[in-house]
Amino acid sequence: MRDLLGRTVLVKGMVGDGAPPGQLAVHLDNLPGTTLYAEATDHTATRPGCEVFVAVRPEDLELKTGGDGAMALNELGGTIEALLKLGADQAIFLHTPRSMTLTEGAPVRVYVAPAGISVWPV
């Protein structure tokens, strides 16, 4: 059911210290040095050291072109490996408006707001 309208991104991580009030800091296992901040909810594991899964829906991601400079909070960097034109949209692993100028090999950043991140205990 989670992939009905697009693929949910699932990443394993560990809850860490230092999150702002009402949020959780999650250190991502497969991206050392990367922390995402999610809204804390009733069902989330809140103790530092808890293993968790981070889930993000494609529609909650914001793609930004350019990869220069320091990463902002909740930004992940990457490179476009393949680009597919689909009528008025473009597909990378998510859809973007055609008004964005994207090319294969271009650096990009993906931002996700804390409200767009679900955290689940392992």
N, C-alpha and C. Protein backbone atom coordinates (compact mmCIF):
# COMPACT_ATOMS: atom_id res chain seq x y z
N MET A 1 0.82 -1.20 0.00
CA MET A 1 0.00 0.00 0.00
C MET A 1 0.86 1.26 0.00
N ARG A 2 2.06 1.20 0.61
CA ARG A 2 2.87 2.41 0.72
C ARG A 2 3.33 2.94 -0.62
N ASP A 3 3.37 2.10 -1.69
CA ASP A 3 3.84 2.53 -3.00
C ASP A 3 2.71 2.82 -3.97
N LEU A 4 1.49 2.97 -3.49
CA LEU A 4 0.33 3.16 -4.35
C LEU A 4 0.48 4.38 -5.26
N LEU A 5 0.92 5.51 -4.74
CA LEU A 5 1.04 6.73 -5.54
C LEU A 5 2.49 7.18 -5.68
N GLY A 6 3.41 6.25 -5.68
CA GLY A 6 4.83 6.58 -5.74
C GLY A 6 5.56 5.78 -4.70
N ARG A 7 6.85 5.68 -4.83
CA ARG A 7 7.63 4.85 -3.91
C ARG A 7 8.03 5.63 -2.66
N THR A 8 7.74 5.02 -1.53
CA THR A 8 8.16 5.59 -0.27
C THR A 8 9.65 5.31 -0.08
N VAL A 9 10.40 6.32 0.33
CA VAL A 9 11.82 6.15 0.61
C VAL A 9 11.95 5.70 2.06
N LEU A 10 12.60 4.55 2.28
CA LEU A 10 12.83 4.03 3.62
C LEU A 10 14.32 3.98 3.88
N VAL A 11 14.75 4.55 4.99
CA VAL A 11 16.16 4.58 5.36
C VAL A 11 16.27 4.21 6.84
N LYS A 12 17.25 3.38 7.17
CA LYS A 12 17.47 3.01 8.56
C LYS A 12 18.38 4.03 9.22
N GLY A 13 18.11 4.30 10.50
CA GLY A 13 18.93 5.26 11.23
C GLY A 13 18.86 5.02 12.73
N MET A 14 19.42 5.97 13.46
CA MET A 14 19.43 5.90 14.91
C MET A 14 19.11 7.27 15.49
N VAL A 15 18.22 7.30 16.48
CA VAL A 15 17.85 8.55 17.13
C VAL A 15 19.07 9.08 17.89
N GLY A 16 19.34 10.37 17.72
CA GLY A 16 20.48 10.99 18.38
C GLY A 16 20.04 12.15 19.26
N ASP A 17 21.00 12.83 19.84
CA ASP A 17 20.77 13.99 20.70
C ASP A 17 20.75 15.27 19.86
N GLY A 18 20.32 16.36 20.49
CA GLY A 18 20.48 17.68 19.91
C GLY A 18 19.37 18.17 19.02
N ALA A 19 18.22 17.51 19.02
CA ALA A 19 17.11 17.97 18.19
C ALA A 19 16.39 19.14 18.86
N PRO A 20 15.86 20.05 18.06
CA PRO A 20 15.04 21.13 18.63
C PRO A 20 13.81 20.55 19.33
N PRO A 21 13.19 21.31 20.25
CA PRO A 21 11.98 20.82 20.93
C PRO A 21 10.91 20.39 19.92
N GLY A 22 10.30 19.24 20.19
CA GLY A 22 9.24 18.72 19.33
C GLY A 22 9.74 17.98 18.11
N GLN A 23 11.05 17.79 18.00
CA GLN A 23 11.62 17.08 16.86
C GLN A 23 12.55 15.97 17.34
N LEU A 24 12.86 15.04 16.42
CA LEU A 24 13.83 13.98 16.65
C LEU A 24 14.99 14.16 15.68
N ALA A 25 16.19 13.95 16.16
CA ALA A 25 17.37 13.91 15.29
C ALA A 25 17.62 12.46 14.94
N VAL A 26 17.66 12.13 13.65
CA VAL A 26 17.92 10.76 13.21
C VAL A 26 19.18 10.76 12.37
N HIS A 27 20.20 10.02 12.84
CA HIS A 27 21.44 9.85 12.11
C HIS A 27 21.26 8.68 11.14
N LEU A 28 21.44 8.93 9.85
CA LEU A 28 21.19 7.92 8.83
C LEU A 28 22.34 6.93 8.74
N ASP A 29 22.02 5.63 8.76
CA ASP A 29 23.04 4.58 8.74
C ASP A 29 23.86 4.59 7.46
N ASN A 30 23.21 4.72 6.30
CA ASN A 30 23.92 4.58 5.04
C ASN A 30 24.49 5.89 4.51
N LEU A 31 24.33 6.98 5.26
CA LEU A 31 24.91 8.28 4.90
C LEU A 31 25.61 8.85 6.13
N PRO A 32 26.80 8.35 6.43
CA PRO A 32 27.51 8.81 7.64
C PRO A 32 27.63 10.33 7.69
N GLY A 33 27.39 10.87 8.87
CA GLY A 33 27.47 12.32 9.05
C GLY A 33 26.22 13.06 8.65
N THR A 34 25.18 12.33 8.22
CA THR A 34 23.93 12.96 7.79
C THR A 34 22.85 12.75 8.85
N THR A 35 22.23 13.84 9.25
CA THR A 35 21.14 13.80 10.23
C THR A 35 19.92 14.46 9.63
N LEU A 36 18.77 13.80 9.77
CA LEU A 36 17.48 14.40 9.40
C LEU A 36 16.72 14.70 10.68
N TYR A 37 15.98 15.80 10.66
CA TYR A 37 15.17 16.20 11.80
C TYR A 37 13.71 15.99 11.44
N ALA A 38 13.02 15.17 12.24
CA ALA A 38 11.62 14.83 12.01
C ALA A 38 10.78 15.34 13.17
N GLU A 39 9.50 15.58 12.89
CA GLU A 39 8.58 15.95 13.97
C GLU A 39 8.37 14.74 14.86
N ALA A 40 8.46 14.95 16.16
CA ALA A 40 8.20 13.87 17.12
C ALA A 40 6.69 13.70 17.25
N THR A 41 6.25 12.45 17.19
CA THR A 41 4.83 12.13 17.35
C THR A 41 4.68 11.09 18.45
N ASP A 42 3.44 10.75 18.76
CA ASP A 42 3.17 9.80 19.83
C ASP A 42 3.80 8.43 19.59
N HIS A 43 3.91 8.00 18.31
CA HIS A 43 4.38 6.64 18.03
C HIS A 43 5.88 6.56 17.79
N THR A 44 6.59 7.67 17.81
CA THR A 44 8.02 7.62 17.51
C THR A 44 8.86 7.21 18.71
N ALA A 45 9.98 6.56 18.41
CA ALA A 45 10.95 6.20 19.45
C ALA A 45 11.73 7.47 19.76
N THR A 46 11.71 7.91 21.00
CA THR A 46 12.31 9.20 21.33
C THR A 46 13.62 9.11 22.08
N ARG A 47 14.05 7.94 22.46
CA ARG A 47 15.29 7.82 23.24
C ARG A 47 16.49 7.80 22.29
N PRO A 48 17.51 8.58 22.59
CA PRO A 48 18.74 8.48 21.81
C PRO A 48 19.26 7.04 21.84
N GLY A 49 19.72 6.57 20.71
CA GLY A 49 20.23 5.21 20.59
C GLY A 49 19.23 4.23 20.03
N CYS A 50 17.94 4.61 19.92
CA CYS A 50 16.92 3.72 19.36
C CYS A 50 17.12 3.60 17.85
N GLU A 51 17.11 2.37 17.34
CA GLU A 51 17.15 2.16 15.90
C GLU A 51 15.77 2.42 15.32
N VAL A 52 15.73 3.12 14.19
CA VAL A 52 14.46 3.50 13.59
C VAL A 52 14.55 3.39 12.06
N PHE A 53 13.38 3.37 11.44
CA PHE A 53 13.27 3.57 10.01
C PHE A 53 12.72 4.96 9.78
N VAL A 54 13.27 5.67 8.82
CA VAL A 54 12.77 6.97 8.39
C VAL A 54 12.02 6.72 7.08
N ALA A 55 10.79 7.19 6.99
CA ALA A 55 9.98 7.04 5.78
C ALA A 55 9.62 8.42 5.25
N VAL A 56 9.82 8.59 3.94
CA VAL A 56 9.50 9.86 3.28
C VAL A 56 8.75 9.55 2.00
N ARG A 57 7.63 10.21 1.79
CA ARG A 57 6.85 10.06 0.55
C ARG A 57 7.45 10.97 -0.52
N PRO A 58 7.42 10.56 -1.78
CA PRO A 58 8.01 11.38 -2.85
C PRO A 58 7.42 12.78 -2.93
N GLU A 59 6.14 12.92 -2.65
CA GLU A 59 5.52 14.24 -2.74
C GLU A 59 5.96 15.19 -1.63
N ASP A 60 6.66 14.66 -0.62
CA ASP A 60 7.17 15.49 0.48
C ASP A 60 8.61 15.96 0.24
N LEU A 61 9.19 15.57 -0.90
CA LEU A 61 10.55 15.98 -1.24
C LEU A 61 10.53 17.23 -2.11
N GLU A 62 11.49 18.10 -1.87
CA GLU A 62 11.65 19.30 -2.70
C GLU A 62 13.02 19.23 -3.34
N LEU A 63 13.05 19.21 -4.67
CA LEU A 63 14.31 19.13 -5.41
C LEU A 63 14.83 20.53 -5.69
N LYS A 64 16.12 20.74 -5.42
CA LYS A 64 16.77 22.03 -5.67
C LYS A 64 17.96 21.79 -6.58
N THR A 65 18.12 22.62 -7.60
CA THR A 65 19.28 22.47 -8.47
C THR A 65 20.49 23.12 -7.84
N GLY A 66 21.64 22.67 -8.25
CA GLY A 66 22.90 23.21 -7.73
C GLY A 66 23.30 22.48 -6.48
N GLY A 67 24.58 22.28 -6.33
CA GLY A 67 25.05 21.55 -5.16
C GLY A 67 26.20 22.25 -4.48
N ASP A 68 26.37 23.53 -4.74
CA ASP A 68 27.50 24.25 -4.17
C ASP A 68 27.19 24.71 -2.75
N GLY A 69 28.22 24.84 -1.94
CA GLY A 69 28.06 25.36 -0.59
C GLY A 69 27.66 24.29 0.40
N ALA A 70 27.50 24.73 1.63
CA ALA A 70 27.15 23.82 2.73
C ALA A 70 25.69 23.39 2.63
N MET A 71 25.43 22.19 3.08
CA MET A 71 24.06 21.67 3.11
C MET A 71 23.28 22.34 4.22
N ALA A 72 22.03 22.65 3.95
CA ALA A 72 21.12 23.16 4.98
C ALA A 72 20.55 21.97 5.75
N LEU A 73 19.90 22.24 6.87
CA LEU A 73 19.24 21.17 7.62
C LEU A 73 18.25 20.45 6.72
N ASN A 74 18.23 19.14 6.85
CA ASN A 74 17.32 18.25 6.12
C ASN A 74 17.53 18.29 4.61
N GLU A 75 18.71 18.67 4.16
CA GLU A 75 19.07 18.58 2.75
C GLU A 75 20.01 17.41 2.53
N LEU A 76 19.80 16.70 1.43
CA LEU A 76 20.68 15.62 1.02
C LEU A 76 21.19 15.96 -0.37
N GLY A 77 22.46 15.74 -0.63
CA GLY A 77 23.03 16.04 -1.94
C GLY A 77 23.09 14.80 -2.80
N GLY A 78 23.15 15.02 -4.11
CA GLY A 78 23.25 13.91 -5.04
C GLY A 78 23.55 14.41 -6.43
N THR A 79 23.58 13.48 -7.37
CA THR A 79 23.83 13.78 -8.77
C THR A 79 22.79 13.06 -9.60
N ILE A 80 22.28 13.74 -10.60
CA ILE A 80 21.30 13.12 -11.51
C ILE A 80 22.04 12.14 -12.40
N GLU A 81 21.68 10.86 -12.32
CA GLU A 81 22.31 9.85 -13.16
C GLU A 81 21.54 9.63 -14.45
N ALA A 82 20.23 9.78 -14.41
CA ALA A 82 19.40 9.60 -15.59
C ALA A 82 18.20 10.52 -15.48
N LEU A 83 17.76 11.03 -16.61
CA LEU A 83 16.65 11.97 -16.66
C LEU A 83 15.71 11.54 -17.77
N LEU A 84 14.43 11.43 -17.47
CA LEU A 84 13.44 10.97 -18.43
C LEU A 84 12.35 12.02 -18.55
N LYS A 85 12.10 12.52 -19.75
CA LYS A 85 11.05 13.50 -19.99
C LYS A 85 9.72 12.76 -20.13
N LEU A 86 8.71 13.19 -19.38
CA LEU A 86 7.39 12.56 -19.39
C LEU A 86 6.33 13.63 -19.62
N GLY A 87 6.20 14.09 -20.84
CA GLY A 87 5.22 15.13 -21.13
C GLY A 87 5.56 16.41 -20.40
N ALA A 88 4.68 16.85 -19.52
CA ALA A 88 4.90 18.10 -18.79
C ALA A 88 5.80 17.93 -17.58
N ASP A 89 6.18 16.69 -17.27
CA ASP A 89 7.01 16.41 -16.10
C ASP A 89 8.34 15.81 -16.52
N GLN A 90 9.21 15.64 -15.55
CA GLN A 90 10.48 14.95 -15.72
C GLN A 90 10.60 13.92 -14.60
N ALA A 91 11.19 12.77 -14.89
CA ALA A 91 11.38 11.74 -13.87
C ALA A 91 12.86 11.55 -13.59
N ILE A 92 13.20 11.54 -12.33
CA ILE A 92 14.56 11.26 -11.89
C ILE A 92 14.46 10.03 -10.99
N PHE A 93 13.81 10.07 -9.98
CA PHE A 93 13.26 9.03 -9.13
C PHE A 93 12.04 9.64 -8.48
N LEU A 94 11.77 10.88 -8.86
CA LEU A 94 10.59 11.62 -8.48
C LEU A 94 10.29 12.55 -9.64
N HIS A 95 9.11 13.13 -9.67
CA HIS A 95 8.72 14.01 -10.77
C HIS A 95 8.98 15.46 -10.40
N THR A 96 9.41 16.23 -11.37
CA THR A 96 9.67 17.65 -11.17
C THR A 96 8.97 18.45 -12.26
N PRO A 97 8.65 19.71 -12.01
CA PRO A 97 8.06 20.52 -13.06
C PRO A 97 9.04 20.70 -14.22
N ARG A 98 8.54 20.76 -15.44
CA ARG A 98 9.39 20.93 -16.61
C ARG A 98 10.12 22.27 -16.55
N SER A 99 9.61 23.23 -15.79
CA SER A 99 10.24 24.55 -15.72
C SER A 99 11.61 24.50 -15.06
N MET A 100 11.92 23.42 -14.33
CA MET A 100 13.25 23.25 -13.74
C MET A 100 14.22 22.82 -14.82
N THR A 101 15.35 23.47 -14.93
CA THR A 101 16.37 23.08 -15.89
C THR A 101 17.27 22.03 -15.25
N LEU A 102 17.15 20.78 -15.72
CA LEU A 102 17.90 19.67 -15.16
C LEU A 102 18.66 18.97 -16.28
N THR A 103 19.85 18.51 -15.99
CA THR A 103 20.63 17.74 -16.94
C THR A 103 21.28 16.57 -16.23
N GLU A 104 21.53 15.50 -16.98
CA GLU A 104 22.21 14.36 -16.40
C GLU A 104 23.60 14.78 -15.95
N GLY A 105 24.01 14.32 -14.80
CA GLY A 105 25.30 14.66 -14.24
C GLY A 105 25.29 15.92 -13.40
N ALA A 106 24.15 16.64 -13.37
CA ALA A 106 24.06 17.88 -12.61
C ALA A 106 23.91 17.59 -11.12
N PRO A 107 24.59 18.39 -10.27
CA PRO A 107 24.41 18.22 -8.83
C PRO A 107 23.04 18.76 -8.40
N VAL A 108 22.40 18.08 -7.48
CA VAL A 108 21.11 18.51 -6.96
C VAL A 108 21.09 18.33 -5.46
N ARG A 109 20.10 18.93 -4.83
CA ARG A 109 19.83 18.73 -3.41
C ARG A 109 18.36 18.39 -3.25
N VAL A 110 18.10 17.53 -2.29
CA VAL A 110 16.73 17.16 -1.98
C VAL A 110 16.46 17.61 -0.55
N TYR A 111 15.40 18.38 -0.36
CA TYR A 111 15.01 18.86 0.96
C TYR A 111 13.71 18.19 1.36
N VAL A 112 13.61 17.83 2.62
CA VAL A 112 12.35 17.32 3.16
C VAL A 112 12.10 18.01 4.49
N ALA A 113 10.92 18.58 4.62
CA ALA A 113 10.54 19.27 5.86
C ALA A 113 10.34 18.24 6.98
N PRO A 114 10.60 18.63 8.23
CA PRO A 114 10.40 17.70 9.34
C PRO A 114 9.00 17.07 9.35
N ALA A 115 7.99 17.81 8.94
CA ALA A 115 6.62 17.27 8.94
C ALA A 115 6.45 16.18 7.88
N GLY A 116 7.33 16.11 6.89
CA GLY A 116 7.24 15.11 5.83
C GLY A 116 7.97 13.82 6.14
N ILE A 117 8.54 13.73 7.32
CA ILE A 117 9.32 12.54 7.70
C ILE A 117 8.57 11.76 8.77
N SER A 118 8.38 10.47 8.52
CA SER A 118 7.80 9.58 9.54
C SER A 118 8.92 8.73 10.11
N VAL A 119 8.92 8.55 11.42
CA VAL A 119 9.95 7.77 12.10
C VAL A 119 9.26 6.59 12.79
N TRP A 120 9.79 5.38 12.54
CA TRP A 120 9.20 4.16 13.07
C TRP A 120 10.27 3.33 13.76
N PRO A 121 10.00 2.82 14.96
CA PRO A 121 10.98 1.94 15.63
C PRO A 121 11.23 0.69 14.79
N VAL A 122 12.47 0.19 14.85
CA VAL A 122 12.82 -1.05 14.11
C VAL A 122 12.24 -2.23 14.85
